[in-house]
Amino acid sequence: MNDLFSSFQASSKEEWIALLKKELKGESIDALNKINRVEEIAFPSYFHREDQQSSFSDPGLAPYTRGIQSKNNDWTIATTFRMGDLKQTNREIIAALMAGTDHLVLEATNTSEIDFHELLNEVGLSFIHTTFRAKTKEQVNEFLIFVKEAPALVEYANNDELLKTDLPAYQDKNPNLKLFHVDAFAVQQAGGTTWQELSIALAEGHELLVKQIEKGVDCDTAAAAIHFTFGIGSKYFFELAKIRAFRTCWAQIVSAYGPKHTCSLAATITARTGFLNTSLKDPYTNLLRQTTEAMSVVLGGIQHLNIQPYDWYSSNSNTPFTRRMATNISLLLKEESYLQIVLDPAGGSYALDALTETIAERAWSSFQWIERNGTISNPEVRKTLSTEIEEKASMRIAEIKDKTEKRIGINIFPNPEQVTNNWTELPACWNNLKPLILEQTL
């Protein structure tokens, strides 16, 4: 194998360009240069070895650009449940576990006390992951008492409330606990760019890291307590590169605080499908969208994949079906495509490496601006960032209306069948921004 490359003659960049021009048959080579106006990023779709600016470490090694795993590319299949009638929800959970789910996402629907014994009856929590979206700190406490040492992630909007608790007590009892959540998904769902999503995630993650350290928690423990959720957009290569770029930047932040263990530089990431590109008028096209969205972040190397039912916020939902279809997408990517086996399938692509670096640089520059101007807690900083996200959302709407961006079933090829289904109210996004649903803008 060591003689493999010596058996083939290497081509220069000039030879590569000449071949491309020949294959284009008279069309300008500039046609291969893609420009994303919303992202403000140029993306050349061809590269040569001579264009490679830097080489990344192997998968499983810091700064984890190519993933935190060194043996496989596995991820958990996270399925979402609203906690209404607890007995009914328990039946749905058991059915989902039997169908391939290995990560429960439990969403509290009100502030009432929750009987987790009834909700999770006969569920072996130590064999799966569980994410709890809590409404109150009391619910968080109830959940943590129940899960004990099982792998658990908490999503609670007020991290400052959790910071007032006895952190070492939580972290000593459950080393598998991710207590603090950074919700970058809420930036993406408002219409933000990849680098806006990353910069806000970096700023909020950094603030949580600093606040824990100031309370006497060591850097390694503090970093291990934080987990991040990102949305998934429609731009396949951008979403793949976004995940890689974030790991690079987060490792740089954590390393500044002198952790004892290199693994502390690795970010825990959940990727979640949203509703920005979803269509209720042409529902089955959503399965295609969710499949390509899921594949992009899986190739980026996330740990947890939460494909939400595409009709999660609709007046006429068929959740048992859409939830099962969501689970089946992950199963298809694993059991039929074997993407959980191949480490960093995108490795070796000079174009994707360059895009990763570009997004990382844009995100880092924005993060530095946030830090210079008073951190992410500064109301003026948040106001400015919100305005910038709204501007990007307006650009997305304009592209849908003039069909610069085409979405099947939304602005082209409408569904000939009449579908009676309407959007219900979605939760507010980052800094109370309005969620963007492109279908509603037409």
Protein backbone atom coordinates (compact mmCIF):
# COMPACT_ATOMS: atom_id res chain seq x y z
CA MET A 1 0.00 0.00 0.00
CA ASN A 2 2.93 2.35 0.60
CA ASP A 3 3.71 2.22 -3.14
CA LEU A 4 0.12 2.97 -4.21
CA PHE A 5 0.57 6.65 -5.00
CA SER A 6 3.93 6.12 -6.64
CA SER A 7 2.16 3.94 -9.20
CA PHE A 8 0.22 6.91 -10.54
CA GLN A 9 1.57 10.07 -12.06
CA ALA A 10 0.59 13.17 -10.07
CA SER A 11 -1.12 15.93 -12.02
CA SER A 12 -0.35 19.61 -11.51
CA LYS A 13 -3.02 22.21 -10.85
CA GLU A 14 -2.57 23.54 -14.39
CA GLU A 15 -3.25 20.09 -15.82
CA TRP A 16 -6.29 19.73 -13.56
CA ILE A 17 -7.71 23.10 -14.71
CA ALA A 18 -7.09 22.21 -18.34
CA LEU A 19 -9.03 18.96 -17.94
CA LEU A 20 -11.92 20.78 -16.25
CA LYS A 21 -12.12 23.31 -19.08
CA LYS A 22 -12.17 20.50 -21.61
CA GLU A 23 -15.02 18.74 -19.79
CA LEU A 24 -17.00 22.01 -19.57
CA LYS A 25 -17.05 22.12 -23.40
CA GLY A 26 -16.73 25.85 -23.79
CA GLU A 27 -18.58 26.95 -20.66
CA SER A 28 -16.60 29.25 -18.38
CA ILE A 29 -14.84 27.60 -15.48
CA ASP A 30 -16.35 30.35 -13.32
CA ALA A 31 -19.55 28.29 -13.45
CA LEU A 32 -17.90 26.00 -10.89
CA ASN A 33 -17.51 28.86 -8.41
CA LYS A 34 -20.58 29.00 -6.20
CA ILE A 35 -21.50 32.10 -4.19
CA ASN A 36 -23.98 31.90 -1.33
CA ARG A 37 -25.36 35.40 -0.96
CA VAL A 38 -27.00 34.78 2.41
CA GLU A 39 -23.88 33.23 3.90
CA GLU A 40 -21.64 35.75 2.09
CA ILE A 41 -19.29 32.90 1.27
CA ALA A 42 -17.82 31.89 -2.08
CA PHE A 43 -17.54 28.14 -2.47
CA PRO A 44 -15.35 26.89 -5.34
CA SER A 45 -16.53 23.39 -6.17
CA TYR A 46 -13.14 22.24 -7.42
CA PHE A 47 -9.78 22.21 -5.64
CA HIS A 48 -6.35 20.74 -6.12
CA ARG A 49 -3.82 19.51 -3.60
CA GLU A 50 -1.88 22.75 -4.14
CA ASP A 51 -4.88 24.71 -2.79
CA GLN A 52 -4.80 22.98 0.59
CA GLN A 53 -3.96 25.64 3.17
CA SER A 54 -3.54 23.34 6.18
CA SER A 55 -3.94 19.72 7.14
CA PHE A 56 -6.28 18.55 9.89
CA SER A 57 -5.50 15.98 12.57
CA ASP A 58 -6.88 12.46 12.34
CA PRO A 59 -10.39 11.67 13.64
CA GLY A 60 -10.40 11.32 17.42
CA LEU A 61 -7.51 13.75 17.93
CA ALA A 62 -7.61 17.40 19.00
CA PRO A 63 -8.82 19.85 17.80
CA TYR A 64 -11.39 17.28 16.63
CA THR A 65 -12.14 18.96 13.33
CA ARG A 66 -12.59 15.52 11.80
CA GLY A 67 -14.69 14.18 14.66
CA ILE A 68 -14.22 13.12 18.28
CA GLN A 69 -14.50 9.38 17.63
CA SER A 70 -11.59 7.19 16.59
CA LYS A 71 -13.27 3.80 16.13
CA ASN A 72 -16.54 4.54 14.35
CA ASN A 73 -18.93 7.30 13.34
CA ASP A 74 -21.93 6.14 15.37
CA TRP A 75 -24.64 8.47 16.63
CA THR A 76 -27.74 8.07 18.78
CA ILE A 77 -31.22 8.00 17.23
CA ALA A 78 -33.12 10.62 19.22
CA THR A 79 -36.93 10.61 19.12
CA THR A 80 -39.10 13.40 20.53
CA PHE A 81 -42.10 12.96 22.85
CA ARG A 82 -44.43 15.52 24.40
CA MET A 83 -45.31 14.57 27.96
CA GLY A 84 -49.09 14.76 27.97
CA ASP A 85 -50.90 11.67 29.24
CA LEU A 86 -48.04 9.81 30.91
CA LYS A 87 -49.38 6.28 30.38
CA GLN A 88 -49.99 6.94 26.70
CA THR A 89 -46.58 8.57 26.33
CA ASN A 90 -44.99 5.55 28.01
CA ARG A 91 -46.62 3.25 25.45
CA GLU A 92 -45.30 5.47 22.66
CA ILE A 93 -41.80 5.41 24.19
CA ILE A 94 -41.75 1.62 24.46
CA ALA A 95 -42.92 1.31 20.85
CA ALA A 96 -40.21 3.70 19.68
CA LEU A 97 -37.49 1.83 21.57
CA MET A 98 -38.65 -1.40 19.97
CA ALA A 99 -38.49 0.33 16.57
CA GLY A 100 -34.84 1.38 16.88
CA THR A 101 -34.76 4.54 19.00
CA ASP A 102 -31.92 4.68 21.53
CA HIS A 103 -32.26 8.29 22.68
CA LEU A 104 -35.44 9.75 24.20
CA VAL A 105 -36.15 13.48 23.94
CA LEU A 106 -38.81 14.27 26.57
CA GLU A 107 -40.51 17.63 26.20
CA ALA A 108 -42.45 19.01 29.19
CA THR A 109 -45.68 20.68 28.08
CA ASN A 110 -46.40 22.57 31.33
CA THR A 111 -44.87 23.44 34.70
CA SER A 112 -46.58 20.65 36.65
CA GLU A 113 -44.75 17.98 38.63
CA ILE A 114 -43.90 14.93 36.50
CA ASP A 115 -44.14 11.32 37.65
CA PHE A 116 -41.07 9.92 35.88
CA HIS A 117 -41.72 6.45 37.36
CA GLU A 118 -44.96 6.28 35.40
CA LEU A 119 -43.57 8.00 32.31
CA LEU A 120 -40.50 5.78 32.03
CA ASN A 121 -41.87 2.55 33.43
CA GLU A 122 -39.87 -0.47 32.16
CA VAL A 123 -37.38 1.79 30.31
CA GLY A 124 -33.73 0.86 30.89
CA LEU A 125 -32.22 4.34 31.05
CA SER A 126 -28.68 3.07 31.60
CA PHE A 127 -28.71 1.56 28.09
CA ILE A 128 -29.85 4.68 26.24
CA HIS A 129 -29.52 8.48 26.30
CA THR A 130 -32.26 10.77 27.57
CA THR A 131 -32.69 14.48 26.87
CA PHE A 132 -35.17 16.38 29.05
CA ARG A 133 -36.59 19.73 27.89
CA ALA A 134 -37.74 21.17 31.20
CA LYS A 135 -40.08 24.07 31.97
CA THR A 136 -38.94 24.62 35.59
CA LYS A 137 -35.88 24.02 37.74
CA GLU A 138 -37.99 21.77 39.98
CA GLN A 139 -38.66 19.51 37.00
CA VAL A 140 -34.91 19.38 36.35
CA ASN A 141 -34.31 18.28 39.95
CA GLU A 142 -37.01 15.58 39.68
CA PHE A 143 -35.45 14.30 36.47
CA LEU A 144 -31.91 14.17 37.84
CA ILE A 145 -33.02 12.28 40.94
CA PHE A 146 -34.79 9.73 38.76
CA VAL A 147 -32.09 9.13 36.11
CA LYS A 148 -29.32 8.72 38.71
CA GLU A 149 -26.14 7.83 36.74
CA ALA A 150 -27.74 7.14 33.37
CA PRO A 151 -26.58 9.22 30.37
CA ALA A 152 -28.67 12.41 30.51
CA LEU A 153 -28.82 15.81 28.82
CA VAL A 154 -30.83 18.72 30.22
CA GLU A 155 -32.35 21.48 28.11
CA TYR A 156 -33.50 24.32 30.32
CA ALA A 157 -33.81 27.91 29.12
CA ASN A 158 -32.36 29.51 32.25
CA ASN A 159 -28.82 28.21 32.72
CA ASP A 160 -28.18 30.90 35.35
CA GLU A 161 -30.74 29.23 37.63
CA LEU A 162 -28.91 25.94 37.33
CA LEU A 163 -25.60 27.68 38.03
CA LYS A 164 -26.94 28.66 41.47
CA THR A 165 -27.26 25.01 42.48
CA ASP A 166 -24.60 22.79 44.03
CA LEU A 167 -22.80 21.91 40.81
CA PRO A 168 -20.24 19.45 42.24
CA ALA A 169 -23.07 17.46 43.82
CA TYR A 170 -24.72 16.96 40.44
CA GLN A 171 -21.52 16.25 38.58
CA ASP A 172 -20.05 13.87 41.16
CA LYS A 173 -23.23 11.77 41.24
CA ASN A 174 -23.58 11.54 37.46
CA PRO A 175 -20.46 11.88 35.32
CA ASN A 176 -22.68 11.16 32.29
CA LEU A 177 -24.74 14.31 32.89
CA LYS A 178 -24.77 17.28 30.50
CA LEU A 179 -26.45 19.91 32.68
CA PHE A 180 -25.95 23.08 30.63
CA HIS A 181 -27.44 23.51 27.18
CA VAL A 182 -26.51 25.93 24.40
CA ASP A 183 -29.41 26.22 21.97
CA ALA A 184 -27.90 27.28 18.64
CA PHE A 185 -30.84 25.57 16.91
CA ALA A 186 -32.89 28.64 17.87
CA VAL A 187 -30.52 30.85 15.84
CA GLN A 188 -30.78 28.70 12.72
CA GLN A 189 -34.57 28.50 12.95
CA ALA A 190 -34.78 32.31 13.02
CA GLY A 191 -32.99 32.40 9.66
CA GLY A 192 -29.39 32.89 10.79
CA THR A 193 -26.34 31.80 8.81
CA THR A 194 -24.02 28.94 9.72
CA TRP A 195 -21.41 31.32 11.12
CA GLN A 196 -23.99 33.34 13.08
CA GLU A 197 -25.20 30.10 14.61
CA LEU A 198 -21.65 29.08 15.50
CA SER A 199 -20.53 32.44 16.89
CA ILE A 200 -23.51 32.68 19.25
CA ALA A 201 -22.97 29.06 20.33
CA LEU A 202 -19.30 29.80 21.02
CA ALA A 203 -20.16 32.94 23.00
CA GLU A 204 -22.85 31.27 25.10
CA GLY A 205 -20.70 28.17 25.63
CA HIS A 206 -17.75 30.32 26.66
CA GLU A 207 -19.89 32.22 29.16
CA LEU A 208 -21.11 28.97 30.73
CA LEU A 209 -17.53 27.70 30.92
CA VAL A 210 -16.29 30.88 32.65
CA LYS A 211 -19.21 31.03 35.11
CA GLN A 212 -18.59 27.43 36.21
CA ILE A 213 -14.87 28.03 36.65
CA GLU A 214 -15.62 31.15 38.71
CA LYS A 215 -17.70 28.94 41.04
CA GLY A 216 -14.69 26.72 41.63
CA VAL A 217 -15.40 23.99 39.07
CA ASP A 218 -12.28 22.80 37.25
CA CYS A 219 -12.07 23.36 33.50
CA ASP A 220 -12.39 19.69 32.56
CA THR A 221 -15.57 19.19 34.59
CA ALA A 222 -17.02 22.50 33.42
CA ALA A 223 -16.46 21.71 29.73
CA ALA A 224 -17.92 18.21 30.15
CA ALA A 225 -21.16 19.64 31.57
CA ILE A 226 -21.98 21.64 28.42
CA HIS A 227 -23.74 20.33 25.33
CA PHE A 228 -24.76 22.09 22.11
CA THR A 229 -27.76 21.74 19.80
CA PHE A 230 -27.53 22.92 16.18
CA GLY A 231 -30.20 23.20 13.53
CA ILE A 232 -29.76 21.69 10.09
CA GLY A 233 -30.20 23.83 6.99
CA SER A 234 -30.71 22.85 3.38
CA LYS A 235 -27.18 23.59 2.14
CA TYR A 236 -25.63 20.13 2.35
CA PHE A 237 -21.93 20.99 2.27
CA PHE A 238 -22.33 24.08 4.46
CA GLU A 239 -24.06 22.03 7.17
CA LEU A 240 -21.37 19.35 7.04
CA ALA A 241 -18.58 21.93 7.25
CA LYS A 242 -20.42 23.86 10.00
CA ILE A 243 -20.18 20.93 12.42
CA ARG A 244 -16.47 20.46 11.71
CA ALA A 245 -15.82 24.21 12.06
CA PHE A 246 -17.57 24.41 15.42
CA ARG A 247 -15.51 21.62 16.94
CA THR A 248 -12.34 23.39 15.84
CA CYS A 249 -13.36 26.70 17.40
CA TRP A 250 -14.70 25.20 20.63
CA ALA A 251 -11.46 23.27 21.15
CA GLN A 252 -9.56 26.55 20.82
CA ILE A 253 -11.71 28.19 23.52
CA VAL A 254 -11.43 25.34 26.03
CA SER A 255 -7.68 24.96 25.48
CA ALA A 256 -7.20 28.57 26.66
CA TYR A 257 -8.22 27.48 30.19
CA GLY A 258 -5.60 24.77 30.52
CA PRO A 259 -7.61 21.55 30.80
CA LYS A 260 -5.78 18.51 32.13
CA HIS A 261 -7.34 16.14 29.62
CA THR A 262 -7.34 16.56 25.85
CA CYS A 263 -10.81 15.01 25.60
CA SER A 264 -12.18 18.11 27.37
CA LEU A 265 -11.68 19.97 24.08
CA ALA A 266 -14.32 17.77 22.38
CA ALA A 267 -17.78 19.30 22.01
CA THR A 268 -20.93 17.25 22.60
CA ILE A 269 -23.27 18.04 19.69
CA THR A 270 -26.90 17.25 18.97
CA ALA A 271 -28.16 18.10 15.49
CA ARG A 272 -31.90 18.70 15.18
CA THR A 273 -34.07 19.03 12.10
CA GLY A 274 -36.32 22.07 12.16
CA PHE A 275 -39.15 23.60 10.19
CA LEU A 276 -37.66 26.46 8.19
CA ASN A 277 -37.77 24.43 4.95
CA THR A 278 -40.68 22.20 5.91
CA SER A 279 -43.89 22.02 3.88
CA LEU A 280 -47.28 20.99 5.24
CA LYS A 281 -48.88 21.41 1.81
CA ASP A 282 -46.55 18.82 0.24
CA PRO A 283 -45.77 16.65 3.28
CA TYR A 284 -43.85 13.71 1.84
CA THR A 285 -41.14 15.90 0.29
CA ASN A 286 -40.14 16.55 3.91
CA LEU A 287 -38.86 12.99 4.18
CA LEU A 288 -36.41 13.68 1.35
CA ARG A 289 -35.32 16.96 2.94
CA GLN A 290 -34.85 15.38 6.34
CA THR A 291 -32.80 12.55 4.85
CA THR A 292 -30.30 14.83 3.14
CA GLU A 293 -30.20 17.14 6.18
CA ALA A 294 -29.52 14.19 8.47
CA MET A 295 -26.86 12.80 6.17
CA SER A 296 -24.98 16.11 6.07
CA VAL A 297 -24.52 16.32 9.87
CA VAL A 298 -23.86 12.60 10.22
CA LEU A 299 -20.96 13.01 7.80
CA GLY A 300 -19.90 15.99 9.92
CA GLY A 301 -19.59 13.70 12.94
CA ILE A 302 -22.33 14.60 15.44
CA GLN A 303 -23.06 12.42 18.50
CA HIS A 304 -26.84 12.76 18.65
CA LEU A 305 -29.33 13.11 15.79
CA ASN A 306 -32.83 14.34 16.57
CA ILE A 307 -35.06 14.19 13.48
CA GLN A 308 -38.30 15.81 14.59
CA PRO A 309 -41.65 14.78 13.10
CA TYR A 310 -42.20 17.19 10.23
CA ASP A 311 -45.76 17.90 11.40
CA TRP A 312 -44.76 18.50 15.02
CA TYR A 313 -46.33 21.97 14.89
CA SER A 314 -49.39 21.39 12.72
CA SER A 315 -53.14 21.43 13.23
CA ASN A 316 -53.65 18.03 11.66
CA SER A 317 -50.66 15.97 12.72
CA ASN A 318 -50.13 12.24 12.31
CA THR A 319 -47.36 11.93 14.87
CA PRO A 320 -47.21 8.10 15.14
CA PHE A 321 -46.45 7.94 11.41
CA THR A 322 -44.12 10.94 11.12
CA ARG A 323 -42.23 9.96 14.28
CA ARG A 324 -41.66 6.46 12.89
CA MET A 325 -40.53 7.89 9.55
CA ALA A 326 -38.06 10.12 11.41
CA THR A 327 -36.61 7.08 13.18
CA ASN A 328 -36.46 5.17 9.89
CA ILE A 329 -34.26 7.86 8.33
CA SER A 330 -31.53 7.22 10.89
CA LEU A 331 -31.98 3.47 10.52
CA LEU A 332 -31.62 3.82 6.75
CA LEU A 333 -28.41 5.80 7.14
CA LYS A 334 -27.06 3.14 9.48
CA GLU A 335 -28.45 -0.24 8.47
CA GLU A 336 -28.52 0.33 4.71
CA SER A 337 -25.82 2.97 4.14
CA TYR A 338 -23.43 2.01 6.98
CA LEU A 339 -22.48 5.62 7.65
CA GLN A 340 -21.91 4.77 11.32
CA ILE A 341 -18.92 2.65 10.33
CA VAL A 342 -16.85 5.06 8.24
CA LEU A 343 -14.75 7.62 10.11
CA ASP A 344 -14.98 11.12 8.61
CA PRO A 345 -16.30 10.14 5.17
CA ALA A 346 -15.73 13.75 4.03
CA GLY A 347 -12.02 13.58 4.85
CA GLY A 348 -9.70 14.30 1.94
CA SER A 349 -11.99 16.75 0.18
CA TYR A 350 -9.95 19.91 -0.32
CA ALA A 351 -13.10 21.91 -1.14
CA LEU A 352 -14.82 20.87 2.10
CA ASP A 353 -11.64 21.52 4.09
CA ALA A 354 -11.53 25.03 2.63
CA LEU A 355 -15.22 25.61 3.38
CA THR A 356 -14.68 24.38 6.96
CA GLU A 357 -11.87 26.88 7.42
CA THR A 358 -13.89 29.73 5.90
CA ILE A 359 -16.91 29.13 8.15
CA ALA A 360 -14.64 28.74 11.19
CA GLU A 361 -12.90 32.04 10.41
CA ARG A 362 -16.20 33.89 9.96
CA ALA A 363 -17.59 32.41 13.18
CA TRP A 364 -14.42 33.17 15.15
CA SER A 365 -14.36 36.76 13.92
CA SER A 366 -17.99 37.23 15.00
CA PHE A 367 -17.27 35.57 18.35
CA GLN A 368 -14.36 37.95 18.94
CA TRP A 369 -16.63 40.91 18.19
CA ILE A 370 -19.14 39.63 20.77
CA GLU A 371 -16.42 39.27 23.40
CA ARG A 372 -14.94 42.71 22.70
CA ASN A 373 -18.31 44.38 23.09
CA GLY A 374 -19.33 43.03 26.45
CA THR A 375 -20.04 39.30 25.89
CA ILE A 376 -23.29 37.65 24.83
CA SER A 377 -25.07 38.93 27.97
CA ASN A 378 -24.81 42.55 26.82
CA PRO A 379 -28.31 43.69 25.68
CA GLU A 380 -26.80 45.89 22.95
CA VAL A 381 -24.78 42.98 21.59
CA ARG A 382 -27.87 40.78 21.54
CA LYS A 383 -29.87 43.52 19.85
CA THR A 384 -27.25 43.93 17.12
CA LEU A 385 -27.02 40.19 16.55
CA SER A 386 -30.81 39.92 16.39
CA THR A 387 -30.97 42.65 13.75
CA GLU A 388 -28.32 40.89 11.67
CA ILE A 389 -30.20 37.57 11.89
CA GLU A 390 -33.43 39.28 10.83
CA GLU A 391 -31.61 40.72 7.81
CA LYS A 392 -30.53 37.21 6.80
CA ALA A 393 -34.08 35.94 7.29
CA SER A 394 -35.35 38.69 4.96
CA MET A 395 -32.80 37.63 2.35
CA ARG A 396 -34.01 34.04 2.56
CA ILE A 397 -37.62 35.15 2.12
CA ALA A 398 -36.71 37.27 -0.92
CA GLU A 399 -34.90 34.31 -2.53
CA ILE A 400 -37.94 32.09 -2.05
CA LYS A 401 -40.32 34.69 -3.45
CA ASP A 402 -38.25 35.39 -6.58
CA LYS A 403 -37.36 31.67 -6.88
CA THR A 404 -33.63 32.27 -6.72
CA GLU A 405 -33.82 29.44 -4.21
CA LYS A 406 -36.15 26.64 -5.23
CA ARG A 407 -38.04 24.41 -2.81
CA ILE A 408 -40.20 21.63 -4.24
CA GLY A 409 -43.73 21.86 -2.90
CA ILE A 410 -43.10 25.35 -1.53
CA ASN A 411 -42.30 27.68 -4.44
CA ILE A 412 -42.02 25.24 -7.37
CA PHE A 413 -43.94 22.11 -8.43
CA PRO A 414 -46.85 22.58 -6.00
CA ASN A 415 -48.62 19.49 -4.74
CA PRO A 416 -51.64 18.88 -7.04
CA GLU A 417 -53.52 17.35 -4.11
CA GLN A 418 -55.27 19.64 -1.67
CA VAL A 419 -53.87 19.12 1.83
CA THR A 420 -55.76 20.63 4.78
CA ASN A 421 -53.12 21.29 7.41
CA ASN A 422 -52.02 24.52 9.04
CA TRP A 423 -49.09 25.58 11.16
CA THR A 424 -49.67 25.99 14.88
CA GLU A 425 -47.65 28.43 16.96
CA LEU A 426 -43.95 27.62 17.15
CA PRO A 427 -41.75 28.56 20.13
CA ALA A 428 -39.89 31.86 19.90
CA CYS A 429 -36.32 31.61 18.64
CA TRP A 430 -33.08 33.07 19.97
CA ASN A 431 -33.57 36.35 21.84
CA ASN A 432 -37.33 36.07 21.16
CA LEU A 433 -36.92 36.28 17.40
CA LYS A 434 -39.80 35.04 15.28
CA PRO A 435 -39.32 31.55 13.81
CA LEU A 436 -38.95 31.54 10.04
CA ILE A 437 -41.18 29.15 8.08
CA LEU A 438 -40.57 29.75 4.37
CA GLU A 439 -43.87 28.15 3.37
CA GLN A 440 -45.72 30.82 5.39
CA THR A 441 -43.99 33.69 3.60
CA LEU A 442 -45.67 33.02 0.24
